[in-house]
C-alpha atoms as a PDB file:
ATOM      1  CA  MET A   1     -15.076 -16.172   5.054  1.00  0.00           C
ATOM      2  CA  ASP A   2     -13.475 -12.746   4.946  1.00  0.00           C
ATOM      3  CA  ILE A   3      -9.779 -11.723   3.578  1.00  0.00           C
ATOM      4  CA  VAL A   4      -8.411 -12.498   6.932  1.00  0.00           C
ATOM      5  CA  GLN A   5      -9.597 -16.114   7.413  1.00  0.00           C
ATOM      6  CA  ILE A   6      -8.808 -16.622   3.750  1.00  0.00           C
ATOM      7  CA  VAL A   7      -5.357 -15.461   3.880  1.00  0.00           C
ATOM      8  CA  SER A   8      -4.030 -17.175   7.359  1.00  0.00           C
ATOM      9  CA  LEU A   9      -6.012 -20.410   5.168  1.00  0.00           C
ATOM     10  CA  GLY A  10      -3.826 -20.114   2.661  1.00  0.00           C
ATOM     11  CA  LEU A  11      -0.440 -19.458   5.375  1.00  0.00           C
ATOM     12  CA  VAL A  12      -1.488 -22.036   6.643  1.00  0.00           C
ATOM     13  CA  ALA A  13      -2.031 -24.123   3.798  1.00  0.00           C
ATOM     14  CA  THR A  14       1.042 -23.408   2.217  1.00  0.00           C
ATOM     15  CA  VAL A  15       3.478 -24.780   6.184  1.00  0.00           C
ATOM     16  CA  LEU A  16       1.299 -27.882   5.702  1.00  0.00           C
ATOM     17  CA  ILE A  17       1.699 -28.372   1.652  1.00  0.00           C
ATOM     18  CA  ILE A  18       6.050 -27.008   1.984  1.00  0.00           C
ATOM     19  CA  LEU A  19       6.392 -29.860   4.737  1.00  0.00           C
ATOM     20  CA  LEU A  20       5.067 -32.905   3.470  1.00  0.00           C
ATOM     21  CA  LYS A  21       5.982 -31.940  -0.744  1.00  0.00           C
ATOM     22  CA  GLU A  22       8.943 -33.743   0.488  1.00  0.00           C
ATOM     23  CA  HIS A  23       7.463 -37.021   1.624  1.00  0.00           C
ATOM     24  CA  LYS A  24       3.606 -36.883   0.645  1.00  0.00           C
ATOM     25  CA  SER A  25       3.805 -34.655  -2.570  1.00  0.00           C
ATOM     26  CA  SER A  26       0.453 -36.072  -3.378  1.00  0.00           C
ATOM     27  CA  ILE A  27      -1.590 -35.467  -0.576  1.00  0.00           C
ATOM     28  CA  ALA A  28       0.348 -31.646  -0.530  1.00  0.00           C
ATOM     29  CA  PHE A  29      -0.979 -31.258  -4.319  1.00  0.00           C
ATOM     30  CA  LEU A  30      -4.130 -32.943  -3.150  1.00  0.00           C
ATOM     31  CA  LEU A  31      -3.787 -30.138  -0.767  1.00  0.00           C
ATOM     32  CA  LEU A  32      -3.115 -27.707  -2.250  1.00  0.00           C
ATOM     33  CA  ILE A  33      -6.618 -28.249  -4.669  1.00  0.00           C
ATOM     34  CA  PHE A  34      -8.619 -28.813  -1.846  1.00  0.00           C
ATOM     35  CA  THR A  35      -7.531 -24.984  -0.353  1.00  0.00           C
ATOM     36  CA  THR A  36      -7.944 -23.489  -3.820  1.00  0.00           C
ATOM     37  CA  VAL A  37     -11.498 -24.676  -3.923  1.00  0.00           C
ATOM     38  CA  LEU A  38     -12.214 -24.236  -0.683  1.00  0.00           C
ATOM     39  CA  ILE A  39     -10.341 -20.310  -1.201  1.00  0.00           C
ATOM     40  CA  PHE A  40     -12.752 -20.375  -4.863  1.00  0.00           C
ATOM     41  CA  ILE A  41     -15.860 -21.063  -2.577  1.00  0.00           C
ATOM     42  CA  SER A  42     -16.042 -19.237  -0.702  1.00  0.00           C
ATOM     43  CA  VAL A  43     -14.816 -15.784  -2.289  1.00  0.00           C
ATOM     44  CA  LEU A  44     -18.367 -16.603  -4.964  1.00  0.00           C
ATOM     45  CA  GLU A  45     -21.059 -15.368  -2.651  1.00  0.00           C
ATOM     46  CA  HIS A  46     -18.707 -11.676  -3.581  1.00  0.00           C
ATOM     47  CA  ILE A  47     -18.735 -12.687  -7.364  1.00  0.00           C
ATOM     48  CA  LYS A  48     -22.367 -13.338  -7.189  1.00  0.00           C
ATOM     49  CA  TYR A  49     -23.039  -9.142  -5.294  1.00  0.00           C
ATOM     50  CA  ILE A  50     -20.538  -8.182  -8.595  1.00  0.00           C
ATOM     51  CA  PHE A  51     -22.527  -9.657 -11.102  1.00  0.00           C
ATOM     52  CA  SER A  52     -25.453  -8.612 -10.249  1.00  0.00           C
ATOM     53  CA  LEU A  53     -24.040  -5.211  -9.379  1.00  0.00           C
ATOM     54  CA  LEU A  54     -22.310  -4.762 -13.247  1.00  0.00           C
ATOM     55  CA  GLN A  55     -25.492  -6.294 -14.254  1.00  0.00           C
ATOM     56  CA  TYR A  56     -27.655  -2.988 -12.433  1.00  0.00           C
ATOM     57  CA  ILE A  57     -25.249  -1.022 -13.806  1.00  0.00           C
ATOM     58  CA  ALA A  58     -25.561  -2.485 -17.648  1.00  0.00           C
ATOM     59  CA  GLU A  59     -29.505  -1.828 -17.545  1.00  0.00           C
ATOM     60  CA  GLN A  60     -29.177   2.089 -15.387  1.00  0.00           C
ATOM     61  CA  ALA A  61     -27.449   2.230 -18.251  1.00  0.00           C
ATOM     62  CA  GLN A  62     -30.108   1.181 -21.187  1.00  0.00           C
ATOM     63  CA  VAL A  63     -26.457  -1.540 -22.196  1.00  0.00           C
ATOM     64  CA  GLU A  64     -27.437  -4.005 -24.468  1.00  0.00           C
ATOM     65  CA  SER A  65     -28.060  -7.515 -22.098  1.00  0.00           C
ATOM     66  CA  ILE A  66     -26.348  -9.767 -24.654  1.00  0.00           C
ATOM     67  CA  TYR A  67     -22.688  -7.768 -24.883  1.00  0.00           C
ATOM     68  CA  LEU A  68     -23.145  -7.631 -20.731  1.00  0.00           C
ATOM     69  CA  LYS A  69     -23.707 -11.438 -20.820  1.00  0.00           C
ATOM     70  CA  THR A  70     -20.884 -11.886 -22.958  1.00  0.00           C
ATOM     71  CA  ILE A  71     -18.641  -9.656 -21.612  1.00  0.00           C
ATOM     72  CA  LEU A  72     -19.627 -11.891 -17.957  1.00  0.00           C
ATOM     73  CA  LYS A  73     -18.993 -14.762 -19.941  1.00  0.00           C
ATOM     74  CA  ILE A  74     -15.321 -13.542 -20.855  1.00  0.00           C
ATOM     75  CA  ILE A  75     -14.894 -12.755 -17.311  1.00  0.00           C
ATOM     76  CA  GLY A  76     -15.464 -16.331 -16.788  1.00  0.00           C
ATOM     77  CA  ILE A  77     -13.642 -17.565 -19.086  1.00  0.00           C
ATOM     78  CA  ALA A  78     -10.931 -15.678 -17.591  1.00  0.00           C
ATOM     79  CA  TYR A  79     -10.094 -16.744 -13.822  1.00  0.00           C
ATOM     80  CA  ILE A  80     -11.684 -19.627 -15.198  1.00  0.00           C
ATOM     81  CA  THR A  81      -8.830 -19.993 -16.947  1.00  0.00           C
ATOM     82  CA  GLU A  82      -6.117 -18.593 -14.702  1.00  0.00           C
ATOM     83  CA  PHE A  83      -7.802 -20.976 -12.217  1.00  0.00           C
ATOM     84  CA  GLY A  84      -6.813 -24.241 -13.810  1.00  0.00           C
ATOM     85  CA  ALA A  85      -4.117 -23.550 -15.505  1.00  0.00           C
ATOM     86  CA  GLN A  86      -1.821 -22.125 -11.916  1.00  0.00           C
ATOM     87  CA  LEU A  87      -3.105 -25.543 -10.496  1.00  0.00           C
ATOM     88  CA  ILE A  88      -1.994 -27.208 -13.202  1.00  0.00           C
ATOM     89  CA  ARG A  89       1.315 -25.338 -13.295  1.00  0.00           C
ATOM     90  CA  ASP A  90       2.471 -25.976  -9.386  1.00  0.00           C
ATOM     91  CA  ALA A  91       1.833 -29.643 -10.445  1.00  0.00           C
ATOM     92  CA  GLY A  92       5.331 -28.828 -12.387  1.00  0.00           C
ATOM     93  CA  LEU A  93       3.047 -29.347 -16.008  1.00  0.00           C
ATOM     94  CA  ALA A  94       3.172 -25.702 -17.807  1.00  0.00           C
ATOM     95  CA  ALA A  95       3.309 -26.797 -21.005  1.00  0.00           C
ATOM     96  CA  LEU A  96       0.107 -28.321 -20.192  1.00  0.00           C
ATOM     97  CA  ALA A  97      -0.922 -25.312 -17.798  1.00  0.00           C
ATOM     98  CA  SER A  98       0.414 -23.196 -21.284  1.00  0.00           C
ATOM     99  CA  LYS A  99      -1.975 -25.276 -23.594  1.00  0.00           C
ATOM    100  CA  VAL A 100      -5.110 -24.594 -21.374  1.00  0.00           C
ATOM    101  CA  GLU A 101      -3.918 -20.571 -21.802  1.00  0.00           C
ATOM    102  CA  LEU A 102      -4.312 -20.873 -25.159  1.00  0.00           C
ATOM    103  CA  ALA A 103      -8.012 -22.864 -25.000  1.00  0.00           C
ATOM    104  CA  GLY A 104      -8.585 -20.611 -22.557  1.00  0.00           C
ATOM    105  CA  LYS A 105      -8.279 -17.456 -24.974  1.00  0.00           C
ATOM    106  CA  LEU A 106      -9.139 -18.474 -28.210  1.00  0.00           C
ATOM    107  CA  PHE A 107     -12.750 -19.358 -26.062  1.00  0.00           C
ATOM    108  CA  ILE A 108     -12.177 -15.381 -25.533  1.00  0.00           C
ATOM    109  CA  LEU A 109     -11.143 -14.225 -29.284  1.00  0.00           C
ATOM    110  CA  MET A 110     -14.707 -16.410 -30.328  1.00  0.00           C
ATOM    111  CA  LEU A 111     -17.209 -14.904 -27.640  1.00  0.00           C
ATOM    112  CA  ALA A 112     -15.926 -11.332 -28.593  1.00  0.00           C
ATOM    113  CA  ILE A 113     -16.146 -11.662 -31.975  1.00  0.00           C
ATOM    114  CA  PRO A 114     -19.945 -10.443 -32.413  1.00  0.00           C
ATOM    115  CA  ILE A 115     -18.687  -7.476 -30.274  1.00  0.00           C
ATOM    116  CA  ILE A 116     -16.433  -6.070 -32.185  1.00  0.00           C
ATOM    117  CA  THR A 117     -18.499  -6.861 -35.443  1.00  0.00           C
ATOM    118  CA  ALA A 118     -20.893  -4.298 -33.550  1.00  0.00           C
ATOM    119  CA  LEU A 119     -17.634  -1.812 -32.412  1.00  0.00           C
ATOM    120  CA  ILE A 120     -16.442  -2.010 -36.438  1.00  0.00           C
ATOM    121  CA  GLU A 121     -20.113  -1.418 -37.901  1.00  0.00           C
ATOM    122  CA  THR A 122     -21.186   1.906 -34.834  1.00  0.00           C
ATOM    123  CA  ILE A 123     -17.636   2.831 -36.467  1.00  0.00           C
ATOM    124  CA  LEU A 124     -18.126   2.580 -40.447  1.00  0.00           C
ATOM    125  CA  ASP A 125     -22.281   3.986 -39.470  1.00  0.00           C
ATOM    126  CA  PHE A 126     -19.999   7.138 -38.189  1.00  0.00           C
ATOM    127  CA  ILE A 127     -17.526   7.382 -40.919  1.00  0.00           C
ATOM    128  CA  PRO A 128     -19.510   9.992 -44.279  1.00  0.00           C
ATOM    129  CA  VAL A 129     -19.791   7.753 -47.515  1.00  0.00           C
ATOM    130  CA  ALA A 130     -17.859  10.057 -49.678  1.00  0.00           C
ATOM    131  CA  ALA A 131     -20.839  10.401 -53.152  1.00  0.00           C
ATOM    132  CA  GLY A 132     -18.859   9.408 -55.986  1.00  0.00           C
END
């Protein structure tokens, strides 16, 4: 599915959801979820390509694979969290959406700790130790 088809699907779904929202709000929300999942599935192939390209670039730059995998996990968590929080917000549950976003940020922080530690150790290696 190309971008024109995705945007067209989104626009048609938007019109249908607006029309259904007043009389059949549960069906409107199910249509929203269905459309969102369909769009997400349609871009998965592009996401796979981007990840493959990033892995190739990291190999060429001789970056340790653990760092690339961690960064890709962080990106994945960020997108999944945003995806879920927006759906929850669309359902009118902003407080719950905020909690989902907080959980996503905490997971990202947990994954980032080894990278932050390695960065600090690298910086400390460049600082000369004063002989006393």
